[in-house]
Every structure is written in structure tokens, then in C-alpha cells.
Amino acid sequence: LLQGMSGGLLAPMAQMMIARAAGRHMARVAGYAVAPVLLAPLLG
């Protein structure tokens, strides 16, 4: 439960920080940044 509470904000925080930093390039940057996350259900 503690692990989930601390990990629950990591995904939305990642989106927000990428949106802030990338600006109009978000689609290009997030396309690469999100790819490792897609591996999680397969790698787990």
C-alpha cells in the first residue's frame, strides 16, 4: 500500500514534466519516452 501510494504519482508526474519541457515537441519526445512504459506489462 505504501509502495502504491508513492508510485501512484509517478506516471502523471512524468506526463506533466515532459509536457512542460517539450512544449510543442511533446508528441515527438513523449513517443520515445512512453515506449519503455509500454514494455512494463510484457517485461513484468
PDB file of all heavy atoms in Angstrom:
ATOM      1  N   LEU A   1       0.832  -1.200   0.000  1.00  0.00           N
ATOM      2  CA  LEU A   1       0.000   0.000   0.000  1.00  0.00           C
ATOM      3  C   LEU A   1       0.871   1.255   0.000  1.00  0.00           C
ATOM      4  O   LEU A   1       0.608   2.220  -0.725  1.00  0.00           O
ATOM      5  CB  LEU A   1      -0.940   0.002   1.214  1.00  0.00           C
ATOM      6  CG  LEU A   1      -2.079  -1.017   1.197  1.00  0.00           C
ATOM      7  CD1 LEU A   1      -2.812  -1.007   2.535  1.00  0.00           C
ATOM      8  CD2 LEU A   1      -3.048  -0.725   0.069  1.00  0.00           C
ATOM      9  N   LEU A   2       1.931   1.249   0.832  1.00  0.00           N
ATOM     10  CA  LEU A   2       2.857   2.381   0.845  1.00  0.00           C
ATOM     11  C   LEU A   2       3.547   2.539  -0.507  1.00  0.00           C
ATOM     12  O   LEU A   2       3.730   3.657  -1.001  1.00  0.00           O
ATOM     13  CB  LEU A   2       3.904   2.179   1.947  1.00  0.00           C
ATOM     14  CG  LEU A   2       3.397   2.202   3.395  1.00  0.00           C
ATOM     15  CD1 LEU A   2       4.546   1.894   4.353  1.00  0.00           C
ATOM     16  CD2 LEU A   2       2.780   3.551   3.719  1.00  0.00           C
ATOM     17  N   GLN A   3       3.935   1.423  -1.102  1.00  0.00           N
ATOM     18  CA  GLN A   3       4.592   1.453  -2.398  1.00  0.00           C
ATOM     19  C   GLN A   3       3.650   2.015  -3.465  1.00  0.00           C
ATOM     20  O   GLN A   3       4.054   2.831  -4.313  1.00  0.00           O
ATOM     21  CB  GLN A   3       5.043   0.039  -2.785  1.00  0.00           C
ATOM     22  CG  GLN A   3       5.999  -0.004  -3.962  1.00  0.00           C
ATOM     23  CD  GLN A   3       6.311  -1.434  -4.378  1.00  0.00           C
ATOM     24  OE1 GLN A   3       5.448  -2.306  -4.328  1.00  0.00           O
ATOM     25  NE2 GLN A   3       7.535  -1.671  -4.796  1.00  0.00           N
ATOM     26  N   GLY A   4       2.390   1.615  -3.424  1.00  0.00           N
ATOM     27  CA  GLY A   4       1.425   2.123  -4.386  1.00  0.00           C
ATOM     28  C   GLY A   4       1.141   3.599  -4.207  1.00  0.00           C
ATOM     29  O   GLY A   4       0.984   4.338  -5.190  1.00  0.00           O
ATOM     30  N   MET A   5       1.090   4.052  -2.969  1.00  0.00           N
ATOM     31  CA  MET A   5       0.834   5.473  -2.704  1.00  0.00           C
ATOM     32  C   MET A   5       1.972   6.348  -3.228  1.00  0.00           C
ATOM     33  O   MET A   5       1.741   7.439  -3.758  1.00  0.00           O
ATOM     34  CB  MET A   5       0.654   5.691  -1.201  1.00  0.00           C
ATOM     35  CG  MET A   5      -0.627   5.089  -0.649  1.00  0.00           C
ATOM     36  SD  MET A   5      -0.759   5.218   1.157  1.00  0.00           S
ATOM     37  CE  MET A   5      -0.905   6.990   1.343  1.00  0.00           C
ATOM     38  N   SER A   6       3.201   5.875  -3.098  1.00  0.00           N
ATOM     39  CA  SER A   6       4.343   6.653  -3.602  1.00  0.00           C
ATOM     40  C   SER A   6       4.480   6.528  -5.105  1.00  0.00           C
ATOM     41  O   SER A   6       4.916   7.469  -5.786  1.00  0.00           O
ATOM     42  CB  SER A   6       5.630   6.202  -2.914  1.00  0.00           C
ATOM     43  OG  SER A   6       5.823   4.807  -3.062  1.00  0.00           O
ATOM     44  N   GLY A   7       4.099   5.371  -5.663  1.00  0.00           N
ATOM     45  CA  GLY A   7       4.228   5.178  -7.103  1.00  0.00           C
ATOM     46  C   GLY A   7       3.078   5.740  -7.903  1.00  0.00           C
ATOM     47  O   GLY A   7       3.190   5.920  -9.120  1.00  0.00           O
ATOM     48  N   GLY A   8       1.938   6.036  -7.238  1.00  0.00           N
ATOM     49  CA  GLY A   8       0.761   6.489  -7.954  1.00  0.00           C
ATOM     50  C   GLY A   8       0.932   7.810  -8.665  1.00  0.00           C
ATOM     51  O   GLY A   8       0.238   8.084  -9.655  1.00  0.00           O
ATOM     52  N   LEU A   9       1.834   8.660  -8.162  1.00  0.00           N
ATOM     53  CA  LEU A   9       2.022   9.973  -8.777  1.00  0.00           C
ATOM     54  C   LEU A   9       3.114   9.980  -9.845  1.00  0.00           C
ATOM     55  O   LEU A   9       3.279  10.978 -10.538  1.00  0.00           O
ATOM     56  CB  LEU A   9       2.371  11.005  -7.693  1.00  0.00           C
ATOM     57  CG  LEU A   9       1.335  11.196  -6.585  1.00  0.00           C
ATOM     58  CD1 LEU A   9       1.807  12.261  -5.608  1.00  0.00           C
ATOM     59  CD2 LEU A   9      -0.008  11.579  -7.175  1.00  0.00           C
ATOM     60  N   LEU A  10       3.861   8.888  -9.968  1.00  0.00           N
ATOM     61  CA  LEU A  10       4.995   8.898 -10.897  1.00  0.00           C
ATOM     62  C   LEU A  10       4.560   9.002 -12.357  1.00  0.00           C
ATOM     63  O   LEU A  10       5.170   9.734 -13.141  1.00  0.00           O
ATOM     64  CB  LEU A  10       5.850   7.644 -10.680  1.00  0.00           C
ATOM     65  CG  LEU A  10       6.626   7.603  -9.367  1.00  0.00           C
ATOM     66  CD1 LEU A  10       7.368   6.282  -9.211  1.00  0.00           C
ATOM     67  CD2 LEU A  10       7.606   8.769  -9.273  1.00  0.00           C
ATOM     68  N   ALA A  11       3.501   8.278 -12.748  1.00  0.00           N
ATOM     69  CA  ALA A  11       3.050   8.331 -14.143  1.00  0.00           C
ATOM     70  C   ALA A  11       2.496   9.703 -14.523  1.00  0.00           C
ATOM     71  O   ALA A  11       2.914  10.282 -15.543  1.00  0.00           O
ATOM     72  CB  ALA A  11       2.026   7.230 -14.401  1.00  0.00           C
ATOM     73  N   PRO A  12       1.555  10.289 -13.750  1.00  0.00           N
ATOM     74  CA  PRO A  12       1.101  11.644 -14.106  1.00  0.00           C
ATOM     75  C   PRO A  12       2.197  12.690 -14.005  1.00  0.00           C
ATOM     76  O   PRO A  12       2.221  13.648 -14.787  1.00  0.00           O
ATOM     77  CB  PRO A  12      -0.034  11.919 -13.105  1.00  0.00           C
ATOM     78  CG  PRO A  12       0.156  10.944 -12.009  1.00  0.00           C
ATOM     79  CD  PRO A  12       0.778   9.742 -12.626  1.00  0.00           C
ATOM     80  N   MET A  13       3.125  12.518 -13.042  1.00  0.00           N
ATOM     81  CA  MET A  13       4.238  13.458 -12.943  1.00  0.00           C
ATOM     82  C   MET A  13       5.115  13.391 -14.189  1.00  0.00           C
ATOM     83  O   MET A  13       5.603  14.407 -14.686  1.00  0.00           O
ATOM     84  CB  MET A  13       5.078  13.141 -11.705  1.00  0.00           C
ATOM     85  CG  MET A  13       4.433  13.531 -10.392  1.00  0.00           C
ATOM     86  SD  MET A  13       4.262  15.313 -10.207  1.00  0.00           S
ATOM     87  CE  MET A  13       5.971  15.799 -10.265  1.00  0.00           C
ATOM     88  N   ALA A  14       5.329  12.189 -14.714  1.00  0.00           N
ATOM     89  CA  ALA A  14       6.123  12.035 -15.933  1.00  0.00           C
ATOM     90  C   ALA A  14       5.473  12.771 -17.086  1.00  0.00           C
ATOM     91  O   ALA A  14       6.138  13.498 -17.842  1.00  0.00           O
ATOM     92  CB  ALA A  14       6.284  10.549 -16.265  1.00  0.00           C
ATOM     93  N   GLN A  15       4.166  12.612 -17.254  1.00  0.00           N
ATOM     94  CA  GLN A  15       3.454  13.311 -18.326  1.00  0.00           C
ATOM     95  C   GLN A  15       3.593  14.821 -18.185  1.00  0.00           C
ATOM     96  O   GLN A  15       3.846  15.531 -19.161  1.00  0.00           O
ATOM     97  CB  GLN A  15       1.982  12.923 -18.309  1.00  0.00           C
ATOM     98  CG  GLN A  15       1.698  11.483 -18.666  1.00  0.00           C
ATOM     99  CD  GLN A  15       0.222  11.159 -18.565  1.00  0.00           C
ATOM    100  OE1 GLN A  15      -0.628  12.059 -18.539  1.00  0.00           O
ATOM    101  NE2 GLN A  15      -0.103   9.887 -18.482  1.00  0.00           N
ATOM    102  N   MET A  16       3.410  15.322 -16.964  1.00  0.00           N
ATOM    103  CA  MET A  16       3.438  16.767 -16.753  1.00  0.00           C
ATOM    104  C   MET A  16       4.817  17.346 -17.016  1.00  0.00           C
ATOM    105  O   MET A  16       4.963  18.396 -17.654  1.00  0.00           O
ATOM    106  CB  MET A  16       2.999  17.089 -15.329  1.00  0.00           C
ATOM    107  CG  MET A  16       2.743  18.558 -15.081  1.00  0.00           C
ATOM    108  SD  MET A  16       2.930  19.000 -13.363  1.00  0.00           S
ATOM    109  CE  MET A  16       4.691  18.798 -13.150  1.00  0.00           C
ATOM    110  N   MET A  17       5.869  16.678 -16.537  1.00  0.00           N
ATOM    111  CA  MET A  17       7.222  17.203 -16.722  1.00  0.00           C
ATOM    112  C   MET A  17       7.628  17.176 -18.190  1.00  0.00           C
ATOM    113  O   MET A  17       8.293  18.094 -18.671  1.00  0.00           O
ATOM    114  CB  MET A  17       8.212  16.415 -15.859  1.00  0.00           C
ATOM    115  CG  MET A  17       8.057  16.684 -14.373  1.00  0.00           C
ATOM    116  SD  MET A  17       9.376  15.951 -13.368  1.00  0.00           S
ATOM    117  CE  MET A  17       9.015  14.215 -13.574  1.00  0.00           C
ATOM    118  N   ILE A  18       7.214  16.132 -18.905  1.00  0.00           N
ATOM    119  CA  ILE A  18       7.511  16.079 -20.342  1.00  0.00           C
ATOM    120  C   ILE A  18       6.755  17.179 -21.071  1.00  0.00           C
ATOM    121  O   ILE A  18       7.297  17.836 -21.968  1.00  0.00           O
ATOM    122  CB  ILE A  18       7.163  14.692 -20.909  1.00  0.00           C
ATOM    123  CG1 ILE A  18       8.126  13.638 -20.353  1.00  0.00           C
ATOM    124  CG2 ILE A  18       7.236  14.696 -22.439  1.00  0.00           C
ATOM    125  CD1 ILE A  18       7.773  12.221 -20.729  1.00  0.00           C
ATOM    126  N   ALA A  19       5.486  17.409 -20.686  1.00  0.00           N
ATOM    127  CA  ALA A  19       4.694  18.459 -21.324  1.00  0.00           C
ATOM    128  C   ALA A  19       5.313  19.831 -21.073  1.00  0.00           C
ATOM    129  O   ALA A  19       5.373  20.685 -21.972  1.00  0.00           O
ATOM    130  CB  ALA A  19       3.257  18.420 -20.803  1.00  0.00           C
ATOM    131  N   ARG A  20       5.777  20.072 -19.859  1.00  0.00           N
ATOM    132  CA  ARG A  20       6.410  21.348 -19.542  1.00  0.00           C
ATOM    133  C   ARG A  20       7.697  21.561 -20.334  1.00  0.00           C
ATOM    134  O   ARG A  20       7.945  22.639 -20.876  1.00  0.00           O
ATOM    135  CB  ARG A  20       6.728  21.413 -18.042  1.00  0.00           C
ATOM    136  CG  ARG A  20       5.609  21.885 -17.155  1.00  0.00           C
ATOM    137  CD  ARG A  20       6.120  21.994 -15.721  1.00  0.00           C
ATOM    138  NE  ARG A  20       5.135  22.609 -14.844  1.00  0.00           N
ATOM    139  CZ  ARG A  20       5.330  22.811 -13.543  1.00  0.00           C
ATOM    140  NH1 ARG A  20       6.473  22.439 -12.988  1.00  0.00           N
ATOM    141  NH2 ARG A  20       4.395  23.379 -12.810  1.00  0.00           N
ATOM    142  N   ALA A  21       8.516  20.523 -20.386  1.00  0.00           N
ATOM    143  CA  ALA A  21       9.835  20.675 -21.012  1.00  0.00           C
ATOM    144  C   ALA A  21       9.757  20.674 -22.533  1.00  0.00           C
ATOM    145  O   ALA A  21      10.452  21.440 -23.199  1.00  0.00           O
ATOM    146  CB  ALA A  21      10.753  19.545 -20.541  1.00  0.00           C
ATOM    147  N   ALA A  22       8.905  19.804 -23.105  1.00  0.00           N
ATOM    148  CA  ALA A  22       8.902  19.614 -24.558  1.00  0.00           C
ATOM    149  C   ALA A  22       8.068  20.646 -25.295  1.00  0.00           C
ATOM    150  O   ALA A  22       8.345  20.954 -26.462  1.00  0.00           O
ATOM    151  CB  ALA A  22       8.404  18.210 -24.890  1.00  0.00           C
ATOM    152  N   GLY A  23       7.034  21.179 -24.653  1.00  0.00           N
ATOM    153  CA  GLY A  23       6.193  22.154 -25.335  1.00  0.00           C
ATOM    154  C   GLY A  23       5.551  21.575 -26.582  1.00  0.00           C
ATOM    155  O   GLY A  23       4.920  20.526 -26.559  1.00  0.00           O
ATOM    156  N   ARG A  24       5.744  22.268 -27.720  1.00  0.00           N
ATOM    157  CA  ARG A  24       5.113  21.825 -28.968  1.00  0.00           C
ATOM    158  C   ARG A  24       5.761  20.564 -29.536  1.00  0.00           C
ATOM    159  O   ARG A  24       5.245  19.966 -30.466  1.00  0.00           O
ATOM    160  CB  ARG A  24       5.163  22.940 -30.007  1.00  0.00           C
ATOM    161  CG  ARG A  24       6.567  23.299 -30.487  1.00  0.00           C
ATOM    162  CD  ARG A  24       6.526  24.523 -31.372  1.00  0.00           C
ATOM    163  NE  ARG A  24       7.839  24.855 -31.917  1.00  0.00           N
ATOM    164  CZ  ARG A  24       8.316  24.357 -33.046  1.00  0.00           C
ATOM    165  NH1 ARG A  24       7.593  23.500 -33.742  1.00  0.00           N
ATOM    166  NH2 ARG A  24       9.504  24.712 -33.495  1.00  0.00           N
ATOM    167  N   HIS A  25       6.904  20.151 -28.973  1.00  0.00           N
ATOM    168  CA  HIS A  25       7.565  18.913 -29.414  1.00  0.00           C
ATOM    169  C   HIS A  25       7.112  17.700 -28.602  1.00  0.00           C
ATOM    170  O   HIS A  25       7.732  16.644 -28.686  1.00  0.00           O
ATOM    171  CB  HIS A  25       9.086  19.051 -29.281  1.00  0.00           C
ATOM    172  CG  HIS A  25       9.683  20.090 -30.172  1.00  0.00           C
ATOM    173  ND1 HIS A  25       9.663  20.000 -31.543  1.00  0.00           N
ATOM    174  CD2 HIS A  25      10.330  21.251 -29.876  1.00  0.00           C
ATOM    175  CE1 HIS A  25      10.274  21.057 -32.062  1.00  0.00           C
ATOM    176  NE2 HIS A  25      10.679  21.829 -31.074  1.00  0.00           N
ATOM    177  N   MET A  26       6.031  17.844 -27.817  1.00  0.00           N
ATOM    178  CA  MET A  26       5.665  16.774 -26.894  1.00  0.00           C
ATOM    179  C   MET A  26       5.389  15.452 -27.599  1.00  0.00           C
ATOM    180  O   MET A  26       5.787  14.390 -27.117  1.00  0.00           O
ATOM    181  CB  MET A  26       4.447  17.175 -26.072  1.00  0.00           C
ATOM    182  CG  MET A  26       4.110  16.119 -25.014  1.00  0.00           C
ATOM    183  SD  MET A  26       2.651  16.492 -24.075  1.00  0.00           S
ATOM    184  CE  MET A  26       2.507  14.984 -23.108  1.00  0.00           C
ATOM    185  N   ALA A  27       4.705  15.500 -28.749  1.00  0.00           N
ATOM    186  CA  ALA A  27       4.386  14.246 -29.443  1.00  0.00           C
ATOM    187  C   ALA A  27       5.649  13.488 -29.813  1.00  0.00           C
ATOM    188  O   ALA A  27       5.722  12.262 -29.693  1.00  0.00           O
ATOM    189  CB  ALA A  27       3.562  14.541 -30.696  1.00  0.00           C
ATOM    190  N   ARG A  28       6.670  14.217 -30.246  1.00  0.00           N
ATOM    191  CA  ARG A  28       7.925  13.583 -30.647  1.00  0.00           C
ATOM    192  C   ARG A  28       8.680  13.042 -29.440  1.00  0.00           C
ATOM    193  O   ARG A  28       9.174  11.913 -29.464  1.00  0.00           O
ATOM    194  CB  ARG A  28       8.780  14.612 -31.390  1.00  0.00           C
ATOM    195  CG  ARG A  28      10.100  14.079 -31.908  1.00  0.00           C
ATOM    196  CD  ARG A  28      10.788  15.173 -32.694  1.00  0.00           C
ATOM    197  NE  ARG A  28      12.188  14.874 -32.928  1.00  0.00           N
ATOM    198  CZ  ARG A  28      13.063  15.760 -33.402  1.00  0.00           C
ATOM    199  NH1 ARG A  28      12.652  16.996 -33.684  1.00  0.00           N
ATOM    200  NH2 ARG A  28      14.315  15.438 -33.585  1.00  0.00           N
ATOM    201  N   VAL A  29       8.762  13.838 -28.372  1.00  0.00           N
ATOM    202  CA  VAL A  29       9.515  13.424 -27.185  1.00  0.00           C
ATOM    203  C   VAL A  29       8.794  12.310 -26.442  1.00  0.00           C
ATOM    204  O   VAL A  29       9.392  11.290 -26.082  1.00  0.00           O
ATOM    205  CB  VAL A  29       9.745  14.633 -26.253  1.00  0.00           C
ATOM    206  CG1 VAL A  29      10.413  14.186 -24.959  1.00  0.00           C
ATOM    207  CG2 VAL A  29      10.586  15.687 -26.956  1.00  0.00           C
ATOM    208  N   ALA A  30       7.489  12.491 -26.221  1.00  0.00           N
ATOM    209  CA  ALA A  30       6.733  11.502 -25.456  1.00  0.00           C
ATOM    210  C   ALA A  30       6.654  10.175 -26.194  1.00  0.00           C
ATOM    211  O   ALA A  30       6.544   9.115 -25.567  1.00  0.00           O
ATOM    212  CB  ALA A  30       5.334  12.025 -25.156  1.00  0.00           C
ATOM    213  N   GLY A  31       6.706  10.210 -27.525  1.00  0.00           N
ATOM    214  CA  GLY A  31       6.683   8.969 -28.281  1.00  0.00           C
ATOM    215  C   GLY A  31       7.815   8.040 -27.904  1.00  0.00           C
ATOM    216  O   GLY A  31       7.641   6.824 -27.800  1.00  0.00           O
ATOM    217  N   TYR A  32       9.013   8.626 -27.684  1.00  0.00           N
ATOM    218  CA  TYR A  32      10.149   7.811 -27.248  1.00  0.00           C
ATOM    219  C   TYR A  32      10.089   7.535 -25.746  1.00  0.00           C
ATOM    220  O   TYR A  32      10.446   6.450 -25.289  1.00  0.00           O
ATOM    221  CB  TYR A  32      11.456   8.533 -27.567  1.00  0.00           C
ATOM    222  CG  TYR A  32      11.795   8.542 -29.036  1.00  0.00           C
ATOM    223  CD1 TYR A  32      11.488   9.641 -29.830  1.00  0.00           C
ATOM    224  CD2 TYR A  32      12.419   7.453 -29.635  1.00  0.00           C
ATOM    225  CE1 TYR A  32      11.796   9.653 -31.186  1.00  0.00           C
ATOM    226  CE2 TYR A  32      12.728   7.458 -30.989  1.00  0.00           C
ATOM    227  CZ  TYR A  32      12.422   8.558 -31.762  1.00  0.00           C
ATOM    228  OH  TYR A  32      12.717   8.564 -33.091  1.00  0.00           O
ATOM    229  N   ALA A  33       9.652   8.523 -24.970  1.00  0.00           N
ATOM    230  CA  ALA A  33       9.671   8.390 -23.515  1.00  0.00           C
ATOM    231  C   ALA A  33       8.647   7.373 -23.022  1.00  0.00           C
ATOM    232  O   ALA A  33       8.865   6.711 -22.008  1.00  0.00           O
ATOM    233  CB  ALA A  33       9.401   9.751 -22.862  1.00  0.00           C
ATOM    234  N   VAL A  34       7.523   7.243 -23.734  1.00  0.00           N
ATOM    235  CA  VAL A  34       6.474   6.334 -23.287  1.00  0.00           C
ATOM    236  C   VAL A  34       6.758   4.892 -23.698  1.00  0.00           C
ATOM    237  O   VAL A  34       6.256   3.954 -23.078  1.00  0.00           O
ATOM    238  CB  VAL A  34       5.106   6.801 -23.846  1.00  0.00           C
ATOM    239  CG1 VAL A  34       4.007   5.800 -23.516  1.00  0.00           C
ATOM    240  CG2 VAL A  34       4.739   8.155 -23.262  1.00  0.00           C
ATOM    241  N   ALA A  35       7.586   4.703 -24.724  1.00  0.00           N
ATOM    242  CA  ALA A  35       7.858   3.344 -25.217  1.00  0.00           C
ATOM    243  C   ALA A  35       8.342   2.394 -24.118  1.00  0.00           C
ATOM    244  O   ALA A  35       7.871   1.250 -24.046  1.00  0.00           O
ATOM    245  CB  ALA A  35       8.870   3.399 -26.365  1.00  0.00           C
ATOM    246  N   PRO A  36       9.276   2.811 -23.221  1.00  0.00           N
ATOM    247  CA  PRO A  36       9.687   1.879 -22.155  1.00  0.00           C
ATOM    248  C   PRO A  36       8.551   1.493 -21.224  1.00  0.00           C
ATOM    249  O   PRO A  36       8.509   0.375 -20.706  1.00  0.00           O
ATOM    250  CB  PRO A  36      10.769   2.671 -21.399  1.00  0.00           C
ATOM    251  CG  PRO A  36      11.274   3.668 -22.371  1.00  0.00           C
ATOM    252  CD  PRO A  36      10.081   4.046 -23.196  1.00  0.00           C
ATOM    253  N   VAL A  37       7.602   2.407 -21.001  1.00  0.00           N
ATOM    254  CA  VAL A  37       6.480   2.119 -20.122  1.00  0.00           C
ATOM    255  C   VAL A  37       5.591   1.037 -20.727  1.00  0.00           C
ATOM    256  O   VAL A  37       5.002   0.219 -20.023  1.00  0.00           O
ATOM    257  CB  VAL A  37       5.671   3.408 -19.845  1.00  0.00           C
ATOM    258  CG1 VAL A  37       4.493   3.123 -18.924  1.00  0.00           C
ATOM    259  CG2 VAL A  37       6.579   4.470 -19.242  1.00  0.00           C
ATOM    260  N   LEU A  38       5.488   1.027 -22.066  1.00  0.00           N
ATOM    261  CA  LEU A  38       4.693   0.003 -22.730  1.00  0.00           C
ATOM    262  C   LEU A  38       5.294  -1.385 -22.532  1.00  0.00           C
ATOM    263  O   LEU A  38       4.600  -2.395 -22.629  1.00  0.00           O
ATOM    264  CB  LEU A  38       4.594   0.303 -24.226  1.00  0.00           C
ATOM    265  CG  LEU A  38       3.768   1.526 -24.626  1.00  0.00           C
ATOM    266  CD1 LEU A  38       3.855   1.749 -26.121  1.00  0.00           C
ATOM    267  CD2 LEU A  38       2.327   1.379 -24.209  1.00  0.00           C
ATOM    268  N   LEU A  39       6.599  -1.417 -22.271  1.00  0.00           N
ATOM    269  CA  LEU A  39       7.259  -2.704 -22.060  1.00  0.00           C
ATOM    270  C   LEU A  39       6.905  -3.322 -20.711  1.00  0.00           C
ATOM    271  O   LEU A  39       7.074  -4.526 -20.517  1.00  0.00           O
ATOM    272  CB  LEU A  39       8.781  -2.527 -22.146  1.00  0.00           C
ATOM    273  CG  LEU A  39       9.370  -2.252 -23.529  1.00  0.00           C
ATOM    274  CD1 LEU A  39      10.834  -1.872 -23.387  1.00  0.00           C
ATOM    275  CD2 LEU A  39       9.225  -3.459 -24.429  1.00  0.00           C
ATOM    276  N   ALA A  40       6.420  -2.489 -19.767  1.00  0.00           N
ATOM    277  CA  ALA A  40       6.182  -2.972 -18.402  1.00  0.00           C
ATOM    278  C   ALA A  40       5.252  -4.179 -18.350  1.00  0.00           C
ATOM    279  O   ALA A  40       5.585  -5.181 -17.707  1.00  0.00           O
ATOM    280  CB  ALA A  40       5.653  -1.828 -17.530  1.00  0.00           C
ATOM    281  N   PRO A  41       4.066  -4.142 -18.995  1.00  0.00           N
ATOM    282  CA  PRO A  41       3.191  -5.326 -18.915  1.00  0.00           C
ATOM    283  C   PRO A  41       3.806  -6.566 -19.548  1.00  0.00           C
ATOM    284  O   PRO A  41       3.473  -7.687 -19.167  1.00  0.00           O
ATOM    285  CB  PRO A  41       1.935  -4.880 -19.681  1.00  0.00           C
ATOM    286  CG  PRO A  41       1.979  -3.394 -19.665  1.00  0.00           C
ATOM    287  CD  PRO A  41       3.425  -3.041 -19.717  1.00  0.00           C
ATOM    288  N   LEU A  42       4.704  -6.367 -20.542  1.00  0.00           N
ATOM    289  CA  LEU A  42       5.345  -7.507 -21.187  1.00  0.00           C
ATOM    290  C   LEU A  42       6.545  -8.000 -20.379  1.00  0.00           C
ATOM    291  O   LEU A  42       6.769  -9.207 -20.250  1.00  0.00           O
ATOM    292  CB  LEU A  42       5.804  -7.122 -22.601  1.00  0.00           C
ATOM    293  CG  LEU A  42       4.714  -6.663 -23.581  1.00  0.00           C
ATOM    294  CD1 LEU A  42       5.341  -6.224 -24.899  1.00  0.00           C
ATOM    295  CD2 LEU A  42       3.711  -7.773 -23.826  1.00  0.00           C
ATOM    296  N   LEU A  43       7.308  -7.048 -19.820  1.00  0.00           N
ATOM    297  CA  LEU A  43       8.521  -7.412 -19.093  1.00  0.00           C
ATOM    298  C   LEU A  43       8.229  -7.940 -17.687  1.00  0.00           C
ATOM    299  O   LEU A  43       8.984  -8.768 -17.169  1.00  0.00           O
ATOM    300  CB  LEU A  43       9.457  -6.205 -18.985  1.00  0.00           C
ATOM    301  CG  LEU A  43      10.153  -5.756 -20.272  1.00  0.00           C
ATOM    302  CD1 LEU A  43      11.006  -4.534 -19.995  1.00  0.00           C
ATOM    303  CD2 LEU A  43      11.008  -6.870 -20.846  1.00  0.00           C
ATOM    304  N   GLY A  44       7.127  -7.457 -17.075  1.00  0.00           N
ATOM    305  CA  GLY A  44       6.830  -7.842 -15.698  1.00  0.00           C
ATOM    306  C   GLY A  44       6.820  -9.347 -15.474  1.00  0.00           C
ATOM    307  O   GLY A  44       7.591  -9.856 -14.643  1.00  0.00           O
TER     308      GLY A  44
END
